């Protein structure tokens, strides 16, 4: 009888541990911001992305108020009108960079890559409406002027 009780108790502990670990296993994605252009101080945040699996960056920015994004939908998808409390005005824009070689711009007009803390970011070849939310991809958003 004691053996059966011990086995049941151990099974309960194993099940409880599995449930607790499943709740702690959230997928996170790193987003970086350079608010004063390429020479600016970078700010990185990790975002829980479980509810954005299979979606695009625009969905993430529309769904997460803490990112402070102002988006507008245009002919080619969403674009930034502001980010992190700073509005895009005049000759400024927000350039999207990615750590993914799959989504890097290889055209002759692509900006030079940016390397921060050993991670190289390439100008993205798509807008935020077409870039996926994935935990293995890091994105960097840079305020730039022309």
Protein backbone atom coordinates (compact mmCIF):
# COMPACT_ATOMS: atom_id res chain seq x y z
CA UNK A 1 0.00 0.00 0.00
CA UNK A 2 2.80 2.40 0.88
CA UNK A 3 4.47 1.70 -2.48
CA UNK A 4 1.27 2.60 -4.37
CA UNK A 5 0.86 5.79 -2.37
CA UNK A 6 4.51 6.72 -3.02
CA UNK A 7 4.08 6.08 -6.76
CA UNK A 8 0.92 8.21 -6.90
CA UNK A 9 2.64 11.00 -4.98
CA UNK A 10 5.61 10.90 -7.36
CA UNK A 11 3.28 11.03 -10.38
CA UNK A 12 1.52 14.05 -8.92
CA UNK A 13 4.87 15.79 -8.43
CA UNK A 14 5.95 14.99 -12.00
CA UNK A 15 2.67 16.29 -13.45
CA UNK A 16 2.80 19.48 -11.39
CA UNK A 17 6.41 20.09 -12.44
CA UNK A 18 5.52 19.60 -16.11
CA UNK A 19 2.61 22.03 -15.84
CA UNK A 20 4.76 24.66 -14.11
CA UNK A 21 7.57 24.31 -16.64
CA UNK A 22 5.14 24.56 -19.55
CA UNK A 23 3.89 27.87 -18.19
CA UNK A 24 7.44 29.23 -17.90
CA UNK A 25 8.46 28.24 -21.41
CA UNK A 26 7.36 31.41 -23.22
CA UNK A 27 8.91 32.30 -26.54
CA UNK A 28 10.64 35.65 -26.57
CA UNK A 29 11.95 37.77 -29.40
CA UNK A 30 14.48 40.59 -29.17
CA UNK A 31 13.73 43.97 -30.71
CA UNK A 32 16.23 46.80 -30.77
CA UNK A 33 15.76 50.52 -31.25
CA UNK A 34 18.28 53.19 -32.31
CA UNK A 35 16.40 56.40 -31.72
CA UNK A 36 19.13 58.82 -32.90
CA UNK A 37 20.22 57.03 -36.02
CA UNK A 38 23.15 54.64 -36.34
CA UNK A 39 25.17 56.63 -33.81
CA UNK A 40 22.42 56.49 -31.21
CA UNK A 41 22.36 54.48 -28.01
CA UNK A 42 20.66 51.18 -28.60
CA UNK A 43 17.77 49.96 -26.47
CA UNK A 44 16.78 46.29 -26.59
CA UNK A 45 13.58 44.72 -25.32
CA UNK A 46 12.40 41.13 -25.20
CA UNK A 47 8.79 40.56 -26.18
CA UNK A 48 6.67 37.48 -25.43
CA UNK A 49 5.60 36.24 -28.82
CA UNK A 50 3.51 33.14 -28.06
CA UNK A 51 0.28 34.73 -29.32
CA UNK A 52 2.02 36.00 -32.48
CA UNK A 53 3.30 32.67 -33.82
CA UNK A 54 2.83 32.61 -37.58
CA UNK A 55 2.06 36.33 -37.72
CA UNK A 56 3.95 39.36 -38.98
CA UNK A 57 5.81 42.17 -37.19
CA UNK A 58 2.95 44.58 -37.91
CA UNK A 59 0.64 42.28 -35.91
CA UNK A 60 3.09 42.36 -33.01
CA UNK A 61 3.35 46.17 -33.04
CA UNK A 62 -0.43 46.57 -33.34
CA UNK A 63 -0.99 44.16 -30.45
CA UNK A 64 1.67 45.33 -27.99
CA UNK A 65 0.99 48.85 -26.70
CA UNK A 66 4.21 48.76 -24.67
CA UNK A 67 6.22 49.10 -27.90
CA UNK A 68 4.75 52.55 -28.51
CA UNK A 69 4.22 52.09 -32.24
CA UNK A 70 2.06 54.35 -34.38
CA UNK A 71 1.30 52.49 -37.58
CA UNK A 72 -0.53 53.52 -40.69
CA UNK A 73 -1.69 51.22 -43.44
CA UNK A 74 -0.58 52.18 -46.91
CA UNK A 75 -0.63 50.65 -50.36
CA UNK A 76 2.18 48.21 -49.48
CA UNK A 77 1.18 47.35 -45.92
CA UNK A 78 1.79 49.03 -42.59
CA UNK A 79 4.51 51.59 -41.99
CA UNK A 80 5.66 53.54 -38.93
CA UNK A 81 4.41 57.03 -38.17
CA UNK A 82 6.08 56.86 -34.77
CA UNK A 83 7.82 54.53 -32.38
CA UNK A 84 8.72 54.59 -28.70
CA UNK A 85 7.09 58.01 -28.27
CA UNK A 86 8.93 59.66 -31.17
CA UNK A 87 6.95 60.71 -34.25
CA UNK A 88 8.28 60.40 -37.77
CA UNK A 89 8.27 63.94 -39.16
CA UNK A 90 9.90 65.81 -42.01
CA UNK A 91 12.67 63.89 -43.68
CA UNK A 92 12.91 61.13 -41.07
CA UNK A 93 11.84 57.52 -41.36
CA UNK A 94 12.29 54.26 -39.47
CA UNK A 95 14.47 51.74 -41.26
CA UNK A 96 14.00 48.07 -40.36
CA UNK A 97 17.04 45.82 -39.99
CA UNK A 98 17.06 42.06 -39.44
CA UNK A 99 19.55 39.48 -38.24
CA UNK A 100 18.13 37.03 -40.79
CA UNK A 101 20.10 36.62 -43.99
CA UNK A 102 16.90 35.34 -45.61
CA UNK A 103 15.27 38.75 -45.26
CA UNK A 104 18.27 41.00 -45.94
CA UNK A 105 18.19 43.54 -48.75
CA UNK A 106 20.81 42.60 -51.34
CA UNK A 107 20.09 45.46 -53.74
CA UNK A 108 22.72 48.06 -54.57
CA UNK A 109 20.75 50.60 -52.51
CA UNK A 110 20.82 48.58 -49.27
CA UNK A 111 22.26 50.34 -46.24
CA UNK A 112 25.46 49.05 -44.67
CA UNK A 113 24.96 46.36 -42.01
CA UNK A 114 25.07 47.35 -38.34
CA UNK A 115 26.83 45.14 -35.79
CA UNK A 116 25.90 45.41 -32.11
CA UNK A 117 27.15 43.01 -29.43
CA UNK A 118 28.31 40.51 -32.04
CA UNK A 119 24.98 40.43 -33.92
CA UNK A 120 24.93 41.76 -37.48
CA UNK A 121 21.75 43.45 -38.65
CA UNK A 122 21.01 43.89 -42.36
CA UNK A 123 18.54 46.29 -43.89
CA UNK A 124 15.37 44.27 -44.43
CA UNK A 125 14.13 43.56 -47.94
CA UNK A 126 10.49 43.74 -46.85
CA UNK A 127 8.29 45.94 -44.69
CA UNK A 128 6.93 45.04 -41.27
CA UNK A 129 3.73 43.63 -42.80
CA UNK A 130 5.82 40.91 -44.49
CA UNK A 131 8.50 40.13 -41.89
CA UNK A 132 7.72 37.17 -39.63
CA UNK A 133 7.61 37.05 -35.86
CA UNK A 134 10.18 34.36 -34.98
CA UNK A 135 12.16 33.87 -31.79
CA UNK A 136 15.39 33.20 -33.72
CA UNK A 137 15.25 36.47 -35.66
CA UNK A 138 16.23 39.78 -34.10
CA UNK A 139 15.05 43.10 -35.47
CA UNK A 140 16.53 46.57 -35.15
CA UNK A 141 14.54 49.74 -35.88
CA UNK A 142 16.64 52.80 -36.74
CA UNK A 143 15.45 56.40 -37.00
CA UNK A 144 17.16 57.81 -40.07
CA UNK A 145 17.07 61.00 -42.11
CA UNK A 146 17.50 61.72 -45.80
